[in-house]
Amino acid sequence: VTAICAHINLKKRRLTYCNAGHPKAFLVQRERKRVRFLRQNSKILGIFHDTEFRQDRIQLTGQDRLIMYTDGITETFNED
């Protein structure tokens, strides 16, 4: 099982996240004119004993957009 959890503090404009083996979310940083991928920073859920889940923090600007999606989106296909 994979998961990603994010907390956005609007007052401090800060994103804190943990990605446990889930596809990378990304942050569109319009003011900096770049896309930043939020790396997988923890192991997948339910396999390893005593797993520690790491959090990373990113400072946000007013124009940033966070994009998160289910891993099912990358596994779908359509013959047409």
PDB file of N, CA and C in Angstrom:
ATOM      1  N   VAL A   1       0.848  -1.179   0.000  1.00  0.00           N
ATOM      2  CA  VAL A   1       0.000   0.000   0.000  1.00  0.00           C
ATOM      3  C   VAL A   1       0.888   1.235   0.000  1.00  0.00           C
ATOM      4  N   THR A   2       0.501   2.199  -0.796  1.00  0.00           N
ATOM      5  CA  THR A   2       1.224   3.473  -0.823  1.00  0.00           C
ATOM      6  C   THR A   2       0.290   4.573  -0.342  1.00  0.00           C
ATOM      7  N   ALA A   3       0.882   5.668   0.081  1.00  0.00           N
ATOM      8  CA  ALA A   3       0.072   6.799   0.543  1.00  0.00           C
ATOM      9  C   ALA A   3       0.899   8.073   0.476  1.00  0.00           C
ATOM     10  N   ILE A   4       0.184   9.170   0.367  1.00  0.00           N
ATOM     11  CA  ILE A   4       0.812  10.479   0.490  1.00  0.00           C
ATOM     12  C   ILE A   4      -0.114  11.327   1.347  1.00  0.00           C
ATOM     13  N   CYS A   5       0.480  12.057   2.262  1.00  0.00           N
ATOM     14  CA  CYS A   5      -0.288  12.900   3.169  1.00  0.00           C
ATOM     15  C   CYS A   5       0.358  14.281   3.174  1.00  0.00           C
ATOM     16  N   ALA A   6      -0.460  15.302   3.050  1.00  0.00           N
ATOM     17  CA  ALA A   6       0.067  16.664   3.008  1.00  0.00           C
ATOM     18  C   ALA A   6      -0.735  17.561   3.937  1.00  0.00           C
ATOM     19  N   HIS A   7      -0.026  18.483   4.568  1.00  0.00           N
ATOM     20  CA  HIS A   7      -0.657  19.491   5.414  1.00  0.00           C
ATOM     21  C   HIS A   7      -0.183  20.850   4.908  1.00  0.00           C
ATOM     22  N   ILE A   8      -1.138  21.727   4.644  1.00  0.00           N
ATOM     23  CA  ILE A   8      -0.798  23.065   4.179  1.00  0.00           C
ATOM     24  C   ILE A   8      -1.178  24.060   5.261  1.00  0.00           C
ATOM     25  N   ASN A   9      -0.185  24.776   5.747  1.00  0.00           N
ATOM     26  CA  ASN A   9      -0.407  25.831   6.725  1.00  0.00           C
ATOM     27  C   ASN A   9      -0.514  27.138   5.942  1.00  0.00           C
ATOM     28  N   LEU A  10      -1.724  27.651   5.828  1.00  0.00           N
ATOM     29  CA  LEU A  10      -1.947  28.847   5.010  1.00  0.00           C
ATOM     30  C   LEU A  10      -1.346  30.097   5.633  1.00  0.00           C
ATOM     31  N   LYS A  11      -1.381  30.195   6.964  1.00  0.00           N
ATOM     32  CA  LYS A  11      -0.805  31.377   7.618  1.00  0.00           C
ATOM     33  C   LYS A  11       0.693  31.475   7.389  1.00  0.00           C
ATOM     34  N   LYS A  12       1.380  30.353   7.545  1.00  0.00           N
ATOM     35  CA  LYS A  12       2.844  30.332   7.384  1.00  0.00           C
ATOM     36  C   LYS A  12       3.257  30.026   5.952  1.00  0.00           C
ATOM     37  N   ARG A  13       2.281  29.721   5.085  1.00  0.00           N
ATOM     38  CA  ARG A  13       2.556  29.369   3.689  1.00  0.00           C
ATOM     39  C   ARG A  13       3.594  28.260   3.597  1.00  0.00           C
ATOM     40  N   ARG A  14       3.264  27.161   4.280  1.00  0.00           N
ATOM     41  CA  ARG A  14       4.203  26.049   4.341  1.00  0.00           C
ATOM     42  C   ARG A  14       3.472  24.739   4.059  1.00  0.00           C
ATOM     43  N   LEU A  15       4.087  23.901   3.248  1.00  0.00           N
ATOM     44  CA  LEU A  15       3.587  22.573   2.931  1.00  0.00           C
ATOM     45  C   LEU A  15       4.471  21.555   3.646  1.00  0.00           C
ATOM     46  N   THR A  16       3.849  20.676   4.425  1.00  0.00           N
ATOM     47  CA  THR A  16       4.545  19.567   5.072  1.00  0.00           C
ATOM     48  C   THR A  16       3.947  18.295   4.506  1.00  0.00           C
ATOM     49  N   TYR A  17       4.787  17.359   4.062  1.00  0.00           N
ATOM     50  CA  TYR A  17       4.249  16.144   3.446  1.00  0.00           C
ATOM     51  C   TYR A  17       5.094  14.920   3.769  1.00  0.00           C
ATOM     52  N   CYS A  18       4.452  13.773   3.640  1.00  0.00           N
ATOM     53  CA  CYS A  18       5.108  12.474   3.738  1.00  0.00           C
ATOM     54  C   CYS A  18       4.614  11.642   2.563  1.00  0.00           C
ATOM     55  N   ASN A  19       5.521  11.087   1.802  1.00  0.00           N
ATOM     56  CA  ASN A  19       5.168  10.250   0.667  1.00  0.00           C
ATOM     57  C   ASN A  19       5.726   8.851   0.898  1.00  0.00           C
ATOM     58  N   ALA A  20       4.824   7.906   1.167  1.00  0.00           N
ATOM     59  CA  ALA A  20       5.211   6.522   1.453  1.00  0.00           C
ATOM     60  C   ALA A  20       5.026   5.667   0.191  1.00  0.00           C
ATOM     61  N   GLY A  21       5.938   5.824  -0.757  1.00  0.00           N
ATOM     62  CA  GLY A  21       5.946   5.003  -1.957  1.00  0.00           C
ATOM     63  C   GLY A  21       4.917   5.360  -3.015  1.00  0.00           C
ATOM     64  N   HIS A  22       4.178   6.427  -2.818  1.00  0.00           N
ATOM     65  CA  HIS A  22       3.138   6.845  -3.755  1.00  0.00           C
ATOM     66  C   HIS A  22       3.779   7.583  -4.939  1.00  0.00           C
ATOM     67  N   PRO A  23       3.104   7.620  -6.097  1.00  0.00           N
ATOM     68  CA  PRO A  23       3.650   8.430  -7.193  1.00  0.00           C
ATOM     69  C   PRO A  23       3.891   9.871  -6.731  1.00  0.00           C
ATOM     70  N   LYS A  24       4.912  10.455  -7.277  1.00  0.00           N
ATOM     71  CA  LYS A  24       5.310  11.796  -6.850  1.00  0.00           C
ATOM     72  C   LYS A  24       4.234  12.836  -7.168  1.00  0.00           C
ATOM     73  N   ALA A  25       3.874  13.593  -6.153  1.00  0.00           N
ATOM     74  CA  ALA A  25       3.040  14.777  -6.372  1.00  0.00           C
ATOM     75  C   ALA A  25       3.961  15.854  -6.933  1.00  0.00           C
ATOM     76  N   PHE A  26       3.394  16.927  -7.426  1.00  0.00           N
ATOM     77  CA  PHE A  26       4.262  18.010  -7.869  1.00  0.00           C
ATOM     78  C   PHE A  26       3.661  19.363  -7.543  1.00  0.00           C
ATOM     79  N   LEU A  27       4.554  20.301  -7.405  1.00  0.00           N
ATOM     80  CA  LEU A  27       4.211  21.647  -7.031  1.00  0.00           C
ATOM     81  C   LEU A  27       4.554  22.555  -8.206  1.00  0.00           C
ATOM     82  N   VAL A  28       3.550  23.210  -8.738  1.00  0.00           N
ATOM     83  CA  VAL A  28       3.768  24.165  -9.831  1.00  0.00           C
ATOM     84  C   VAL A  28       4.069  25.502  -9.175  1.00  0.00           C
ATOM     85  N   GLN A  29       5.304  25.943  -9.315  1.00  0.00           N
ATOM     86  CA  GLN A  29       5.747  27.199  -8.707  1.00  0.00           C
ATOM     87  C   GLN A  29       5.771  28.273  -9.792  1.00  0.00           C
ATOM     88  N   ARG A  30       4.654  28.961  -9.905  1.00  0.00           N
ATOM     89  CA  ARG A  30       4.479  29.915 -11.006  1.00  0.00           C
ATOM     90  C   ARG A  30       5.440  31.092 -10.911  1.00  0.00           C
ATOM     91  N   GLU A  31       5.675  31.608  -9.704  1.00  0.00           N
ATOM     92  CA  GLU A  31       6.570  32.765  -9.566  1.00  0.00           C
ATOM     93  C   GLU A  31       8.006  32.407  -9.915  1.00  0.00           C
ATOM     94  N   ARG A  32       8.394  31.164  -9.645  1.00  0.00           N
ATOM     95  CA  ARG A  32       9.756  30.714  -9.962  1.00  0.00           C
ATOM     96  C   ARG A  32       9.842  30.077 -11.341  1.00  0.00           C
ATOM     97  N   LYS A  33       8.684  29.922 -11.985  1.00  0.00           N
ATOM     98  CA  LYS A  33       8.591  29.350 -13.329  1.00  0.00           C
ATOM     99  C   LYS A  33       9.228  27.967 -13.402  1.00  0.00           C
ATOM    100  N   ARG A  34       8.797  27.102 -12.460  1.00  0.00           N
ATOM    101  CA  ARG A  34       9.307  25.734 -12.473  1.00  0.00           C
ATOM    102  C   ARG A  34       8.288  24.797 -11.841  1.00  0.00           C
ATOM    103  N   VAL A  35       8.496  23.508 -12.095  1.00  0.00           N
ATOM    104  CA  VAL A  35       7.696  22.451 -11.486  1.00  0.00           C
ATOM    105  C   VAL A  35       8.632  21.656 -10.583  1.00  0.00           C
ATOM    106  N   ARG A  36       8.222  21.495  -9.352  1.00  0.00           N
ATOM    107  CA  ARG A  36       9.037  20.769  -8.378  1.00  0.00           C
ATOM    108  C   ARG A  36       8.324  19.468  -8.013  1.00  0.00           C
ATOM    109  N   PHE A  37       8.992  18.345  -8.202  1.00  0.00           N
ATOM    110  CA  PHE A  37       8.424  17.051  -7.849  1.00  0.00           C
ATOM    111  C   PHE A  37       8.700  16.757  -6.384  1.00  0.00           C
ATOM    112  N   LEU A  38       7.665  16.312  -5.658  1.00  0.00           N
ATOM    113  CA  LEU A  38       7.810  15.986  -4.248  1.00  0.00           C
ATOM    114  C   LEU A  38       8.219  14.524  -4.147  1.00  0.00           C
ATOM    115  N   ARG A  39       9.430  14.298  -3.788  1.00  0.00           N
ATOM    116  CA  ARG A  39      10.014  12.958  -3.823  1.00  0.00           C
ATOM    117  C   ARG A  39       9.373  12.013  -2.814  1.00  0.00           C
ATOM    118  N   GLN A  40       9.546  10.745  -3.068  1.00  0.00           N
ATOM    119  CA  GLN A  40       9.114   9.728  -2.117  1.00  0.00           C
ATOM    120  C   GLN A  40      10.138   9.718  -0.989  1.00  0.00           C
ATOM    121  N   ASN A  41       9.702  10.056   0.215  1.00  0.00           N
ATOM    122  CA  ASN A  41      10.638  10.198   1.322  1.00  0.00           C
ATOM    123  C   ASN A  41      10.465   9.132   2.404  1.00  0.00           C
ATOM    124  N   SER A  42       9.589   8.140   2.169  1.00  0.00           N
ATOM    125  CA  SER A  42       9.376   7.057   3.132  1.00  0.00           C
ATOM    126  C   SER A  42       9.082   5.759   2.386  1.00  0.00           C
ATOM    127  N   LYS A  43       9.184   4.655   3.103  1.00  0.00           N
ATOM    128  CA  LYS A  43       8.907   3.337   2.508  1.00  0.00           C
ATOM    129  C   LYS A  43       7.409   3.094   2.438  1.00  0.00           C
ATOM    130  N   ILE A  44       7.020   2.134   1.587  1.00  0.00           N
ATOM    131  CA  ILE A  44       5.607   1.806   1.449  1.00  0.00           C
ATOM    132  C   ILE A  44       5.056   1.268   2.765  1.00  0.00           C
ATOM    133  N   LEU A  45       3.737   1.283   2.880  1.00  0.00           N
ATOM    134  CA  LEU A  45       3.077   0.896   4.119  1.00  0.00           C
ATOM    135  C   LEU A  45       2.899  -0.614   4.229  1.00  0.00           C
ATOM    136  N   GLY A  46       3.026  -1.146   5.438  1.00  0.00           N
ATOM    137  CA  GLY A  46       2.650  -2.513   5.727  1.00  0.00           C
ATOM    138  C   GLY A  46       3.657  -3.603   5.443  1.00  0.00           C
ATOM    139  N   ILE A  47       4.839  -3.282   4.986  1.00  0.00           N
ATOM    140  CA  ILE A  47       5.827  -4.310   4.632  1.00  0.00           C
ATOM    141  C   ILE A  47       6.936  -4.414   5.684  1.00  0.00           C
ATOM    142  N   PHE A  48       7.448  -3.287   6.090  1.00  0.00           N
ATOM    143  CA  PHE A  48       8.613  -3.251   6.968  1.00  0.00           C
ATOM    144  C   PHE A  48       8.206  -2.915   8.405  1.00  0.00           C
ATOM    145  N   HIS A  49       8.797  -3.607   9.350  1.00  0.00           N
ATOM    146  CA  HIS A  49       8.546  -3.318  10.759  1.00  0.00           C
ATOM    147  C   HIS A  49       9.350  -2.083  11.163  1.00  0.00           C
ATOM    148  N   ASP A  50       8.853  -1.367  12.117  1.00  0.00           N
ATOM    149  CA  ASP A  50       9.548  -0.200  12.680  1.00  0.00           C
ATOM    150  C   ASP A  50       9.915   0.835  11.620  1.00  0.00           C
ATOM    151  N   THR A  51       9.058   1.018  10.656  1.00  0.00           N
ATOM    152  CA  THR A  51       9.307   2.019   9.620  1.00  0.00           C
ATOM    153  C   THR A  51       9.084   3.414  10.190  1.00  0.00           C
ATOM    154  N   GLU A  52      10.010   4.289   9.928  1.00  0.00           N
ATOM    155  CA  GLU A  52       9.848   5.689  10.304  1.00  0.00           C
ATOM    156  C   GLU A  52       9.394   6.451   9.073  1.00  0.00           C
ATOM    157  N   PHE A  53       8.426   7.320   9.266  1.00  0.00           N
ATOM    158  CA  PHE A  53       7.898   8.103   8.162  1.00  0.00           C
ATOM    159  C   PHE A  53       8.427   9.527   8.274  1.00  0.00           C
ATOM    160  N   ARG A  54       9.152   9.932   7.261  1.00  0.00           N
ATOM    161  CA  ARG A  54       9.821  11.215   7.252  1.00  0.00           C
ATOM    162  C   ARG A  54       8.923  12.289   6.669  1.00  0.00           C
ATOM    163  N   GLN A  55       9.042  13.494   7.178  1.00  0.00           N
ATOM    164  CA  GLN A  55       8.306  14.637   6.642  1.00  0.00           C
ATOM    165  C   GLN A  55       9.288  15.611   6.011  1.00  0.00           C
ATOM    166  N   ASP A  56       8.874  16.178   4.924  1.00  0.00           N
ATOM    167  CA  ASP A  56       9.639  17.256   4.296  1.00  0.00           C
ATOM    168  C   ASP A  56       8.771  18.496   4.301  1.00  0.00           C
ATOM    169  N   ARG A  57       9.407  19.659   4.348  1.00  0.00           N
ATOM    170  CA  ARG A  57       8.683  20.933   4.345  1.00  0.00           C
ATOM    171  C   ARG A  57       9.163  21.796   3.189  1.00  0.00           C
ATOM    172  N   ILE A  58       8.197  22.506   2.621  1.00  0.00           N
ATOM    173  CA  ILE A  58       8.486  23.414   1.512  1.00  0.00           C
ATOM    174  C   ILE A  58       7.777  24.732   1.798  1.00  0.00           C
ATOM    175  N   GLN A  59       8.487  25.817   1.604  1.00  0.00           N
ATOM    176  CA  GLN A  59       7.894  27.141   1.740  1.00  0.00           C
ATOM    177  C   GLN A  59       7.116  27.455   0.468  1.00  0.00           C
ATOM    178  N   LEU A  60       5.904  27.932   0.621  1.00  0.00           N
ATOM    179  CA  LEU A  60       5.032  28.215  -0.519  1.00  0.00           C
ATOM    180  C   LEU A  60       4.943  29.709  -0.800  1.00  0.00           C
ATOM    181  N   THR A  61       4.553  30.014  -2.027  1.00  0.00           N
ATOM    182  CA  THR A  61       4.221  31.393  -2.391  1.00  0.00           C
ATOM    183  C   THR A  61       2.724  31.419  -2.720  1.00  0.00           C
ATOM    184  N   GLY A  62       2.180  32.582  -2.933  1.00  0.00           N
ATOM    185  CA  GLY A  62       0.761  32.717  -3.205  1.00  0.00           C
ATOM    186  C   GLY A  62       0.307  32.113  -4.518  1.00  0.00           C
ATOM    187  N   GLN A  63       1.224  31.874  -5.440  1.00  0.00           N
ATOM    188  CA  GLN A  63       0.877  31.357  -6.757  1.00  0.00           C
ATOM    189  C   GLN A  63       1.138  29.863  -6.928  1.00  0.00           C
ATOM    190  N   ASP A  64       1.653  29.180  -5.911  1.00  0.00           N
ATOM    191  CA  ASP A  64       1.968  27.757  -6.025  1.00  0.00           C
ATOM    192  C   ASP A  64       0.701  26.916  -6.112  1.00  0.00           C
ATOM    193  N   ARG A  65       0.782  25.821  -6.846  1.00  0.00           N
ATOM    194  CA  ARG A  65      -0.331  24.889  -6.986  1.00  0.00           C
ATOM    195  C   ARG A  65       0.181  23.479  -6.735  1.00  0.00           C
ATOM    196  N   LEU A  66      -0.461  22.767  -5.815  1.00  0.00           N
ATOM    197  CA  LEU A  66      -0.084  21.398  -5.494  1.00  0.00           C
ATOM    198  C   LEU A  66      -0.955  20.441  -6.303  1.00  0.00           C
ATOM    199  N   ILE A  67      -0.316  19.500  -6.997  1.00  0.00           N
ATOM    200  CA  ILE A  67      -1.021  18.503  -7.799  1.00  0.00           C
ATOM    201  C   ILE A  67      -0.723  17.127  -7.207  1.00  0.00           C
ATOM    202  N   MET A  68      -1.782  16.452  -6.737  1.00  0.00           N
ATOM    203  CA  MET A  68      -1.668  15.092  -6.209  1.00  0.00           C
ATOM    204  C   MET A  68      -2.678  14.230  -6.967  1.00  0.00           C
ATOM    205  N   TYR A  69      -2.345  12.968  -7.194  1.00  0.00           N
ATOM    206  CA  TYR A  69      -3.235  12.098  -7.952  1.00  0.00           C
ATOM    207  C   TYR A  69      -3.097  10.667  -7.452  1.00  0.00           C
ATOM    208  N   THR A  70      -4.096   9.867  -7.739  1.00  0.00           N
ATOM    209  CA  THR A  70      -4.071   8.459  -7.358  1.00  0.00           C
ATOM    210  C   THR A  70      -3.159   7.682  -8.296  1.00  0.00           C
ATOM    211  N   ASP A  71      -2.554   6.626  -7.776  1.00  0.00           N
ATOM    212  CA  ASP A  71      -1.692   5.815  -8.641  1.00  0.00           C
ATOM    213  C   ASP A  71      -2.507   5.059  -9.687  1.00  0.00           C
ATOM    214  N   GLY A  72      -3.812   4.953  -9.506  1.00  0.00           N
ATOM    215  CA  GLY A  72      -4.660   4.335 -10.515  1.00  0.00           C
ATOM    216  C   GLY A  72      -4.661   5.089 -11.828  1.00  0.00           C
ATOM    217  N   ILE A  73      -4.414   6.381 -11.797  1.00  0.00           N
ATOM    218  CA  ILE A  73      -4.416   7.192 -13.022  1.00  0.00           C
ATOM    219  C   ILE A  73      -3.281   6.784 -13.958  1.00  0.00           C
ATOM    220  N   THR A  74      -2.165   6.345 -13.401  1.00  0.00           N
ATOM    221  CA  THR A  74      -1.028   5.950 -14.242  1.00  0.00           C
ATOM    222  C   THR A  74      -1.146   4.507 -14.714  1.00  0.00           C
ATOM    223  N   GLU A  75      -2.083   3.755 -14.153  1.00  0.00           N
ATOM    224  CA  GLU A  75      -2.241   2.351 -14.517  1.00  0.00           C
ATOM    225  C   GLU A  75      -3.410   2.118 -15.476  1.00  0.00           C
ATOM    226  N   THR A  76      -4.166   3.144 -15.799  1.00  0.00           N
ATOM    227  CA  THR A  76      -5.310   2.987 -16.681  1.00  0.00           C
ATOM    228  C   THR A  76      -4.867   3.016 -18.141  1.00  0.00           C
ATOM    229  N   PHE A  77      -5.684   2.430 -18.986  1.00  0.00           N
ATOM    230  CA  PHE A  77      -5.392   2.478 -20.408  1.00  0.00           C
ATOM    231  C   PHE A  77      -6.719   2.424 -21.169  1.00  0.00           C
ATOM    232  N   ASN A  78      -6.665   2.835 -22.397  1.00  0.00           N
ATOM    233  CA  ASN A  78      -7.826   2.843 -23.259  1.00  0.00           C
ATOM    234  C   ASN A  78      -7.341   2.454 -24.651  1.00  0.00           C
ATOM    235  N   GLU A  79      -7.922   1.404 -25.212  1.00  0.00           N
ATOM    236  CA  GLU A  79      -7.480   0.925 -26.517  1.00  0.00           C
ATOM    237  C   GLU A  79      -7.750   1.931 -27.630  1.00  0.00           C
ATOM    238  N   ASP A  80      -8.703   2.834 -27.415  1.00  0.00           N
ATOM    239  CA  ASP A  80      -8.997   3.857 -28.431  1.00  0.00           C
ATOM    240  C   ASP A  80      -8.011   4.996 -28.320  1.00  0.00           C
TER     241      ASP A  80
END
